[in-house]
C-alpha atoms as a PDB file:
ATOM      1  CA  MET A   1       3.881  -7.717  12.003  1.00  0.00           C
ATOM      2  CA  ARG A   2       2.009  -7.395   8.727  1.00  0.00           C
ATOM      3  CA  LEU A   3       2.602  -4.688   6.127  1.00  0.00           C
ATOM      4  CA  TYR A   4       0.381  -3.966   3.151  1.00  0.00           C
ATOM      5  CA  LEU A   5       1.801  -1.800   0.371  1.00  0.00           C
ATOM      6  CA  LEU A   6      -0.919  -0.532  -1.956  1.00  0.00           C
ATOM      7  CA  ARG A   7      -0.369   1.469  -5.090  1.00  0.00           C
ATOM      8  CA  HIS A   8      -3.302   3.837  -5.541  1.00  0.00           C
ATOM      9  CA  ALA A   9      -5.932   2.678  -7.997  1.00  0.00           C
ATOM     10  CA  ARG A  10      -6.135   3.991 -11.557  1.00  0.00           C
ATOM     11  CA  ALA A  11      -6.558   7.759 -11.782  1.00  0.00           C
ATOM     12  CA  GLU A  12      -8.004  10.083 -14.379  1.00  0.00           C
ATOM     13  CA  VAL A  13      -5.435  11.139 -16.947  1.00  0.00           C
ATOM     14  CA  GLY A  14      -4.129  14.656 -16.360  1.00  0.00           C
ATOM     15  CA  GLY A  15      -4.184  17.225 -19.059  1.00  0.00           C
ATOM     16  CA  ASP A  16      -5.977  20.246 -17.731  1.00  0.00           C
ATOM     17  CA  ALA A  17      -4.481  22.900 -15.498  1.00  0.00           C
ATOM     18  CA  SER A  18      -5.089  20.902 -12.306  1.00  0.00           C
ATOM     19  CA  PRO A  19      -2.032  19.851 -10.333  1.00  0.00           C
ATOM     20  CA  ASP A  20      -1.037  16.180 -10.386  1.00  0.00           C
ATOM     21  CA  ALA A  21      -1.956  15.734  -6.707  1.00  0.00           C
ATOM     22  CA  ALA A  22      -5.552  16.749  -7.474  1.00  0.00           C
ATOM     23  CA  ARG A  23      -6.227  13.938  -9.983  1.00  0.00           C
ATOM     24  CA  PRO A  24      -9.217  11.804  -8.868  1.00  0.00           C
ATOM     25  CA  LEU A  25      -9.745   8.101  -9.416  1.00  0.00           C
ATOM     26  CA  SER A  26     -11.191   7.078 -12.754  1.00  0.00           C
ATOM     27  CA  PRO A  27     -14.349   4.932 -12.833  1.00  0.00           C
ATOM     28  CA  GLU A  28     -12.080   1.907 -13.300  1.00  0.00           C
ATOM     29  CA  GLY A  29      -9.999   3.080 -10.332  1.00  0.00           C
ATOM     30  CA  HIS A  30     -13.079   3.205  -8.099  1.00  0.00           C
ATOM     31  CA  ARG A  31     -13.778  -0.419  -9.060  1.00  0.00           C
ATOM     32  CA  GLU A  32     -10.142  -1.435  -8.459  1.00  0.00           C
ATOM     33  CA  ALA A  33     -10.110   0.159  -5.010  1.00  0.00           C
ATOM     34  CA  ALA A  34     -13.388  -1.552  -4.076  1.00  0.00           C
ATOM     35  CA  ASP A  35     -11.935  -4.879  -5.296  1.00  0.00           C
ATOM     36  CA  VAL A  36      -8.867  -4.398  -3.089  1.00  0.00           C
ATOM     37  CA  GLY A  37     -11.156  -3.625  -0.147  1.00  0.00           C
ATOM     38  CA  SER A  38     -13.213  -6.765  -0.756  1.00  0.00           C
ATOM     39  CA  TRP A  39     -10.065  -8.855  -1.000  1.00  0.00           C
ATOM     40  CA  LEU A  40      -8.670  -7.353   2.219  1.00  0.00           C
ATOM     41  CA  ALA A  41     -11.969  -7.928   4.023  1.00  0.00           C
ATOM     42  CA  GLY A  42     -11.416 -11.646   3.533  1.00  0.00           C
ATOM     43  CA  ARG A  43      -7.912 -11.662   5.037  1.00  0.00           C
ATOM     44  CA  SER A  44      -7.340 -13.061   8.506  1.00  0.00           C
ATOM     45  CA  GLU A  45      -5.444  -9.934   9.540  1.00  0.00           C
ATOM     46  CA  PRO A  46      -6.593  -6.828   7.651  1.00  0.00           C
ATOM     47  CA  PRO A  47      -4.773  -3.589   8.407  1.00  0.00           C
ATOM     48  CA  THR A  48      -5.476  -1.888  11.719  1.00  0.00           C
ATOM     49  CA  HIS A  49      -3.775   1.337  10.580  1.00  0.00           C
ATOM     50  CA  VAL A  50      -3.689   2.953   7.137  1.00  0.00           C
ATOM     51  CA  LEU A  51      -1.406   5.781   6.085  1.00  0.00           C
ATOM     52  CA  ALA A  52      -2.104   7.355   2.687  1.00  0.00           C
ATOM     53  CA  SER A  53      -0.406   9.885   0.475  1.00  0.00           C
ATOM     54  CA  SER A  54      -2.152  13.252   0.417  1.00  0.00           C
ATOM     55  CA  ALA A  55      -2.768  12.961  -3.344  1.00  0.00           C
ATOM     56  CA  ARG A  56      -6.483  12.838  -4.077  1.00  0.00           C
ATOM     57  CA  ARG A  57      -6.232   9.506  -5.922  1.00  0.00           C
ATOM     58  CA  ALA A  58      -4.484   7.893  -2.922  1.00  0.00           C
ATOM     59  CA  VAL A  59      -7.012   9.274  -0.425  1.00  0.00           C
ATOM     60  CA  GLU A  60      -9.919   8.107  -2.599  1.00  0.00           C
ATOM     61  CA  THR A  61      -8.289   4.669  -2.867  1.00  0.00           C
ATOM     62  CA  MET A  62      -7.901   4.506   0.905  1.00  0.00           C
ATOM     63  CA  ASP A  63     -11.512   5.563   1.446  1.00  0.00           C
ATOM     64  CA  ARG A  64     -12.876   2.889  -0.929  1.00  0.00           C
ATOM     65  CA  VAL A  65     -10.709   0.179   0.617  1.00  0.00           C
ATOM     66  CA  VAL A  66     -11.626   1.111   4.193  1.00  0.00           C
ATOM     67  CA  ALA A  67     -15.339   1.224   3.313  1.00  0.00           C
ATOM     68  CA  ALA A  68     -15.194  -2.501   2.486  1.00  0.00           C
ATOM     69  CA  LEU A  69     -13.701  -3.511   5.854  1.00  0.00           C
ATOM     70  CA  SER A  70     -15.998  -4.524   8.692  1.00  0.00           C
ATOM     71  CA  ARG A  71     -13.493  -3.379  11.313  1.00  0.00           C
ATOM     72  CA  LYS A  72     -12.420   0.141  10.389  1.00  0.00           C
ATOM     73  CA  PRO A  73      -8.699   0.843  10.739  1.00  0.00           C
ATOM     74  CA  ALA A  74      -7.251   4.082  12.061  1.00  0.00           C
ATOM     75  CA  THR A  75      -6.426   6.276   9.062  1.00  0.00           C
ATOM     76  CA  SER A  76      -4.154   9.213   8.428  1.00  0.00           C
ATOM     77  CA  ILE A  77      -2.932  11.204   5.463  1.00  0.00           C
ATOM     78  CA  SER A  78       0.634  12.365   4.933  1.00  0.00           C
ATOM     79  CA  ASP A  79       2.186  14.804   2.492  1.00  0.00           C
ATOM     80  CA  ASP A  80       5.430  12.864   2.999  1.00  0.00           C
ATOM     81  CA  LEU A  81       4.040   9.908   1.050  1.00  0.00           C
ATOM     82  CA  TYR A  82       3.227  11.910  -2.092  1.00  0.00           C
ATOM     83  CA  LEU A  83       5.501  10.468  -4.817  1.00  0.00           C
ATOM     84  CA  ALA A  84       7.838   9.227  -2.072  1.00  0.00           C
ATOM     85  CA  SER A  85      10.903   7.154  -2.839  1.00  0.00           C
ATOM     86  CA  ALA A  86      11.241   3.625  -1.498  1.00  0.00           C
ATOM     87  CA  TRP A  87      13.649   4.965   1.141  1.00  0.00           C
ATOM     88  CA  LYS A  88      11.194   7.641   2.301  1.00  0.00           C
ATOM     89  CA  LEU A  89       8.420   5.024   2.498  1.00  0.00           C
ATOM     90  CA  PHE A  90      10.746   2.725   4.444  1.00  0.00           C
ATOM     91  CA  GLU A  91      11.354   5.553   6.938  1.00  0.00           C
ATOM     92  CA  GLN A  92       7.593   5.986   7.351  1.00  0.00           C
ATOM     93  CA  VAL A  93       7.161   2.283   8.091  1.00  0.00           C
ATOM     94  CA  ALA A  94      10.146   2.179  10.469  1.00  0.00           C
ATOM     95  CA  GLY A  95       8.724   5.179  12.336  1.00  0.00           C
ATOM     96  CA  SER A  96       5.384   3.493  13.022  1.00  0.00           C
ATOM     97  CA  GLU A  97       4.267   2.985  16.596  1.00  0.00           C
ATOM     98  CA  ALA A  98       5.230  -0.236  18.342  1.00  0.00           C
ATOM     99  CA  GLY A  99       1.591  -1.120  19.132  1.00  0.00           C
ATOM    100  CA  VAL A 100       0.626  -1.229  15.441  1.00  0.00           C
ATOM    101  CA  SER A 101       0.603  -4.863  14.323  1.00  0.00           C
ATOM    102  CA  SER A 102      -0.867  -4.434  10.844  1.00  0.00           C
ATOM    103  CA  LEU A 103      -0.122  -1.381   8.697  1.00  0.00           C
ATOM    104  CA  MET A 104      -1.061  -0.381   5.159  1.00  0.00           C
ATOM    105  CA  LEU A 105       0.586   2.367   3.118  1.00  0.00           C
ATOM    106  CA  VAL A 106      -1.277   3.784   0.119  1.00  0.00           C
ATOM    107  CA  GLY A 107       1.050   5.557  -2.268  1.00  0.00           C
ATOM    108  CA  HIS A 108       2.653   5.832  -5.669  1.00  0.00           C
ATOM    109  CA  ASN A 109       5.086   4.107  -7.945  1.00  0.00           C
ATOM    110  CA  PRO A 110       7.930   3.665  -8.360  1.00  0.00           C
ATOM    111  CA  GLY A 111       8.390   3.909  -4.572  1.00  0.00           C
ATOM    112  CA  MET A 112       5.723   1.369  -3.575  1.00  0.00           C
ATOM    113  CA  ALA A 113       6.915  -1.363  -5.956  1.00  0.00           C
ATOM    114  CA  GLU A 114      10.555  -0.723  -5.070  1.00  0.00           C
ATOM    115  CA  LEU A 115       9.872  -0.919  -1.330  1.00  0.00           C
ATOM    116  CA  ALA A 116       7.881  -4.136  -1.729  1.00  0.00           C
ATOM    117  CA  ALA A 117      10.733  -5.688  -3.731  1.00  0.00           C
ATOM    118  CA  LYS A 118      13.356  -4.497  -1.216  1.00  0.00           C
ATOM    119  CA  LEU A 119      11.507  -5.900   1.804  1.00  0.00           C
ATOM    120  CA  ALA A 120      10.400  -9.202   0.243  1.00  0.00           C
ATOM    121  CA  GLY A 121      13.379 -11.473   0.820  1.00  0.00           C
ATOM    122  CA  ARG A 122      11.344 -14.638   1.259  1.00  0.00           C
ATOM    123  CA  GLY A 123       8.220 -16.172  -0.184  1.00  0.00           C
ATOM    124  CA  ASP A 124       7.011 -18.294  -3.046  1.00  0.00           C
ATOM    125  CA  PRO A 125       9.470 -17.753  -5.943  1.00  0.00           C
ATOM    126  CA  ALA A 126       6.662 -17.362  -8.503  1.00  0.00           C
ATOM    127  CA  LEU A 127       4.967 -14.778  -6.283  1.00  0.00           C
ATOM    128  CA  LEU A 128       8.235 -12.865  -5.846  1.00  0.00           C
ATOM    129  CA  ARG A 129       8.783 -12.817  -9.625  1.00  0.00           C
ATOM    130  CA  SER A 130       5.221 -11.584 -10.111  1.00  0.00           C
ATOM    131  CA  LEU A 131       5.828  -8.745  -7.648  1.00  0.00           C
ATOM    132  CA  VAL A 132       8.969  -7.592  -9.435  1.00  0.00           C
ATOM    133  CA  ARG A 133       7.412  -7.810 -12.908  1.00  0.00           C
ATOM    134  CA  ARG A 134       4.039  -6.206 -12.258  1.00  0.00           C
ATOM    135  CA  PHE A 135       2.846  -3.552  -9.790  1.00  0.00           C
ATOM    136  CA  PRO A 136       0.128  -1.632 -11.676  1.00  0.00           C
ATOM    137  CA  PRO A 137      -2.414   0.769 -10.178  1.00  0.00           C
ATOM    138  CA  GLY A 138      -4.466  -1.112  -7.600  1.00  0.00           C
ATOM    139  CA  ALA A 139      -1.669  -3.610  -6.845  1.00  0.00           C
ATOM    140  CA  LEU A 140      -1.150  -4.708  -3.260  1.00  0.00           C
ATOM    141  CA  ALA A 141       1.768  -6.532  -1.659  1.00  0.00           C
ATOM    142  CA  GLU A 142       1.178  -8.237   1.687  1.00  0.00           C
ATOM    143  CA  LEU A 143       4.348  -8.823   3.698  1.00  0.00           C
ATOM    144  CA  GLU A 144       4.916 -10.575   6.978  1.00  0.00           C
ATOM    145  CA  LEU A 145       7.765  -9.074   8.980  1.00  0.00           C
ATOM    146  CA  ASP A 146       9.543 -10.641  11.925  1.00  0.00           C
ATOM    147  CA  GLY A 147      10.171  -8.563  14.993  1.00  0.00           C
ATOM    148  CA  GLU A 148       8.279  -6.612  17.573  1.00  0.00           C
ATOM    149  CA  ARG A 149       9.010  -3.071  16.423  1.00  0.00           C
ATOM    150  CA  TRP A 150       8.758  -1.450  13.033  1.00  0.00           C
ATOM    151  CA  SER A 151      12.060   0.299  13.713  1.00  0.00           C
ATOM    152  CA  GLU A 152      13.800  -3.101  13.598  1.00  0.00           C
ATOM    153  CA  ILE A 153      12.820  -4.078  10.057  1.00  0.00           C
ATOM    154  CA  GLU A 154      15.554  -4.461   7.479  1.00  0.00           C
ATOM    155  CA  PRO A 155      15.616  -4.846   3.695  1.00  0.00           C
ATOM    156  CA  GLY A 156      15.076  -8.447   2.630  1.00  0.00           C
ATOM    157  CA  ALA A 157      13.664  -9.468   6.007  1.00  0.00           C
ATOM    158  CA  GLY A 158      10.032  -9.778   4.921  1.00  0.00           C
ATOM    159  CA  ARG A 159       8.102 -12.741   3.586  1.00  0.00           C
ATOM    160  CA  LEU A 160       5.806 -11.981   0.658  1.00  0.00           C
ATOM    161  CA  VAL A 161       2.480 -13.527   1.648  1.00  0.00           C
ATOM    162  CA  SER A 162       0.430 -12.348  -1.322  1.00  0.00           C
ATOM    163  CA  HIS A 163       0.456 -10.077  -4.331  1.00  0.00           C
ATOM    164  CA  PHE A 164      -3.031  -8.967  -5.333  1.00  0.00           C
ATOM    165  CA  VAL A 165      -3.713  -7.047  -8.536  1.00  0.00           C
ATOM    166  CA  ALA A 166      -7.203  -5.589  -8.878  1.00  0.00           C
END
């Protein structure tokens, strides 16, 4: 199974009366999300399913990424991913359907970076250090997980395949 953990791309800075969840992507964020999509389009196994936080910046990131893929994944939006902890994100992954072989979550830090670090028990040491040190907006961790069901995954059981930063 393959899991992609994507931190939403750069968003406009808040400051007005709008709620945090309503913040859109900045122009730079639109570029970052398109770059992630282009990078994913070149992967041998892009995501077949994408689950995004309901925050506007996460949905816009998902939309830009999906637009770059030739084979469009199934997408859904969840309020449960908005500012979710690593544990809550882990529960979302573990609850995924057995037939899903390649899943991408689009969410927020610190949960996304923490989940990537918790799952990545194997991989190139330099890549693992990079993941722990840097997970900015538009960062993506690609993990390969052993097993046949998402419900069987455990912390440290994943292999970090790549760490892309837009």
